[in-house]
């Protein structure tokens, strides 16, 4: 006959498994630092600068990104990206390359 009894072996295995899943002090702080660094690049200016760089345009230092409300439409965002070396009008549609127009 089978009984639902928790044996000391089961308790020990559960404690070991639980302890293995707990984050260590050093791993916890590393995760926070990575998240903070990633959050710094997840701004419109950082995202747009990264995208136009992959398309061959130079943006050495993104300074600001301003959404152009008059040119933007639903599912088609238009931004003016000011970099240290140039200014661009960046038009973005989902799942497509950005249309980049150098200004000035």
C-alpha atoms as a PDB file:
ATOM      1  CA  UNK A   1       0.000   0.000   0.000  1.00  0.00           C
ATOM      2  CA  UNK A   2       1.355   3.423  -1.004  1.00  0.00           C
ATOM      3  CA  UNK A   3       1.267   6.240   1.490  1.00  0.00           C
ATOM      4  CA  UNK A   4       1.838   9.951   0.847  1.00  0.00           C
ATOM      5  CA  UNK A   5       4.535  10.422   3.436  1.00  0.00           C
ATOM      6  CA  UNK A   6       7.331  12.937   3.204  1.00  0.00           C
ATOM      7  CA  UNK A   7      10.532  11.206   4.127  1.00  0.00           C
ATOM      8  CA  UNK A   8      13.713  12.945   5.260  1.00  0.00           C
ATOM      9  CA  UNK A   9      15.245  12.156   1.851  1.00  0.00           C
ATOM     10  CA  UNK A  10      12.458  14.060   0.107  1.00  0.00           C
ATOM     11  CA  UNK A  11      12.864  17.014   2.467  1.00  0.00           C
ATOM     12  CA  UNK A  12      16.619  17.084   1.924  1.00  0.00           C
ATOM     13  CA  UNK A  13      16.221  16.951  -1.881  1.00  0.00           C
ATOM     14  CA  UNK A  14      13.709  19.802  -1.783  1.00  0.00           C
ATOM     15  CA  UNK A  15      15.986  21.985   0.338  1.00  0.00           C
ATOM     16  CA  UNK A  16      18.958  21.350  -1.957  1.00  0.00           C
ATOM     17  CA  UNK A  17      16.897  22.179  -5.038  1.00  0.00           C
ATOM     18  CA  UNK A  18      15.534  25.358  -3.447  1.00  0.00           C
ATOM     19  CA  UNK A  19      19.020  26.481  -2.365  1.00  0.00           C
ATOM     20  CA  UNK A  20      20.391  25.893  -5.873  1.00  0.00           C
ATOM     21  CA  UNK A  21      17.721  28.160  -7.354  1.00  0.00           C
ATOM     22  CA  UNK A  22      18.430  31.070  -5.010  1.00  0.00           C
ATOM     23  CA  UNK A  23      20.588  33.789  -6.588  1.00  0.00           C
ATOM     24  CA  UNK A  24      23.967  34.331  -5.050  1.00  0.00           C
ATOM     25  CA  UNK A  25      24.994  37.797  -3.922  1.00  0.00           C
ATOM     26  CA  UNK A  26      27.479  38.390  -6.764  1.00  0.00           C
ATOM     27  CA  UNK A  27      25.183  37.045  -9.499  1.00  0.00           C
ATOM     28  CA  UNK A  28      22.347  39.257  -8.263  1.00  0.00           C
ATOM     29  CA  UNK A  29      24.403  42.465  -8.508  1.00  0.00           C
ATOM     30  CA  UNK A  30      25.749  41.540 -11.946  1.00  0.00           C
ATOM     31  CA  UNK A  31      22.213  41.099 -13.272  1.00  0.00           C
ATOM     32  CA  UNK A  32      21.287  44.549 -11.966  1.00  0.00           C
ATOM     33  CA  UNK A  33      24.291  46.181 -13.632  1.00  0.00           C
ATOM     34  CA  UNK A  34      23.540  44.526 -16.977  1.00  0.00           C
ATOM     35  CA  UNK A  35      19.919  45.629 -16.789  1.00  0.00           C
ATOM     36  CA  UNK A  36      20.915  49.220 -16.041  1.00  0.00           C
ATOM     37  CA  UNK A  37      23.360  49.247 -18.963  1.00  0.00           C
ATOM     38  CA  UNK A  38      20.771  47.818 -21.306  1.00  0.00           C
ATOM     39  CA  UNK A  39      18.182  50.346 -20.139  1.00  0.00           C
ATOM     40  CA  UNK A  40      20.545  53.195 -21.038  1.00  0.00           C
ATOM     41  CA  UNK A  41      20.507  52.094 -24.713  1.00  0.00           C
ATOM     42  CA  UNK A  42      16.770  51.435 -24.825  1.00  0.00           C
ATOM     43  CA  UNK A  43      15.864  55.064 -25.446  1.00  0.00           C
ATOM     44  CA  UNK A  44      14.525  56.290 -28.793  1.00  0.00           C
ATOM     45  CA  UNK A  45      17.810  58.047 -29.604  1.00  0.00           C
ATOM     46  CA  UNK A  46      19.875  54.940 -28.790  1.00  0.00           C
ATOM     47  CA  UNK A  47      17.555  52.614 -30.692  1.00  0.00           C
ATOM     48  CA  UNK A  48      17.383  54.862 -33.757  1.00  0.00           C
ATOM     49  CA  UNK A  49      21.138  55.439 -33.760  1.00  0.00           C
ATOM     50  CA  UNK A  50      21.784  51.704 -33.611  1.00  0.00           C
ATOM     51  CA  UNK A  51      19.358  51.080 -36.466  1.00  0.00           C
ATOM     52  CA  UNK A  52      20.795  53.671 -38.834  1.00  0.00           C
ATOM     53  CA  UNK A  53      24.336  52.472 -38.061  1.00  0.00           C
ATOM     54  CA  UNK A  54      23.370  48.979 -39.197  1.00  0.00           C
ATOM     55  CA  UNK A  55      22.165  50.572 -42.435  1.00  0.00           C
ATOM     56  CA  UNK A  56      25.527  52.267 -43.069  1.00  0.00           C
ATOM     57  CA  UNK A  57      24.934  55.777 -41.701  1.00  0.00           C
ATOM     58  CA  UNK A  58      27.311  57.430 -39.242  1.00  0.00           C
ATOM     59  CA  UNK A  59      25.970  58.529 -35.878  1.00  0.00           C
ATOM     60  CA  UNK A  60      28.926  58.929 -33.543  1.00  0.00           C
ATOM     61  CA  UNK A  61      27.002  60.329 -30.582  1.00  0.00           C
ATOM     62  CA  UNK A  62      23.187  60.386 -30.466  1.00  0.00           C
ATOM     63  CA  UNK A  63      22.122  63.635 -28.807  1.00  0.00           C
ATOM     64  CA  UNK A  64      18.328  63.587 -29.098  1.00  0.00           C
ATOM     65  CA  UNK A  65      15.432  62.066 -30.990  1.00  0.00           C
ATOM     66  CA  UNK A  66      12.231  64.009 -31.581  1.00  0.00           C
ATOM     67  CA  UNK A  67       9.118  62.389 -33.001  1.00  0.00           C
ATOM     68  CA  UNK A  68       7.663  64.287 -35.967  1.00  0.00           C
ATOM     69  CA  UNK A  69       3.945  64.198 -35.187  1.00  0.00           C
ATOM     70  CA  UNK A  70       2.887  65.726 -38.536  1.00  0.00           C
ATOM     71  CA  UNK A  71       4.686  63.124 -40.629  1.00  0.00           C
ATOM     72  CA  UNK A  72       3.977  60.144 -38.371  1.00  0.00           C
ATOM     73  CA  UNK A  73       0.985  57.864 -38.883  1.00  0.00           C
ATOM     74  CA  UNK A  74      -0.218  54.740 -37.123  1.00  0.00           C
ATOM     75  CA  UNK A  75       2.369  51.979 -37.739  1.00  0.00           C
ATOM     76  CA  UNK A  76       4.721  54.506 -39.404  1.00  0.00           C
ATOM     77  CA  UNK A  77       6.799  56.642 -37.040  1.00  0.00           C
ATOM     78  CA  UNK A  78       8.945  59.525 -38.254  1.00  0.00           C
ATOM     79  CA  UNK A  79      11.736  60.843 -36.048  1.00  0.00           C
ATOM     80  CA  UNK A  80      14.370  63.551 -36.321  1.00  0.00           C
ATOM     81  CA  UNK A  81      17.601  62.134 -34.883  1.00  0.00           C
ATOM     82  CA  UNK A  82      20.339  64.601 -33.974  1.00  0.00           C
ATOM     83  CA  UNK A  83      23.792  63.056 -33.707  1.00  0.00           C
ATOM     84  CA  UNK A  84      27.115  64.683 -32.918  1.00  0.00           C
ATOM     85  CA  UNK A  85      28.122  64.598 -36.585  1.00  0.00           C
ATOM     86  CA  UNK A  86      24.799  64.820 -38.503  1.00  0.00           C
ATOM     87  CA  UNK A  87      21.010  65.117 -38.324  1.00  0.00           C
ATOM     88  CA  UNK A  88      18.697  62.550 -39.919  1.00  0.00           C
ATOM     89  CA  UNK A  89      14.999  62.087 -40.578  1.00  0.00           C
ATOM     90  CA  UNK A  90      14.269  58.444 -39.795  1.00  0.00           C
ATOM     91  CA  UNK A  91      11.000  56.868 -40.935  1.00  0.00           C
ATOM     92  CA  UNK A  92      10.174  53.479 -39.469  1.00  0.00           C
ATOM     93  CA  UNK A  93       7.555  50.900 -40.324  1.00  0.00           C
ATOM     94  CA  UNK A  94       7.223  47.547 -38.535  1.00  0.00           C
ATOM     95  CA  UNK A  95       9.392  44.702 -39.913  1.00  0.00           C
ATOM     96  CA  UNK A  96      11.108  46.925 -42.489  1.00  0.00           C
ATOM     97  CA  UNK A  97      14.378  48.805 -42.795  1.00  0.00           C
ATOM     98  CA  UNK A  98      14.219  52.442 -41.805  1.00  0.00           C
ATOM     99  CA  UNK A  99      14.094  55.143 -44.461  1.00  0.00           C
ATOM    100  CA  UNK A 100      16.930  57.495 -43.528  1.00  0.00           C
ATOM    101  CA  UNK A 101      17.244  60.988 -44.984  1.00  0.00           C
ATOM    102  CA  UNK A 102      20.252  63.133 -43.986  1.00  0.00           C
ATOM    103  CA  UNK A 103      19.236  66.702 -43.113  1.00  0.00           C
ATOM    104  CA  UNK A 104      21.334  69.898 -43.378  1.00  0.00           C
END
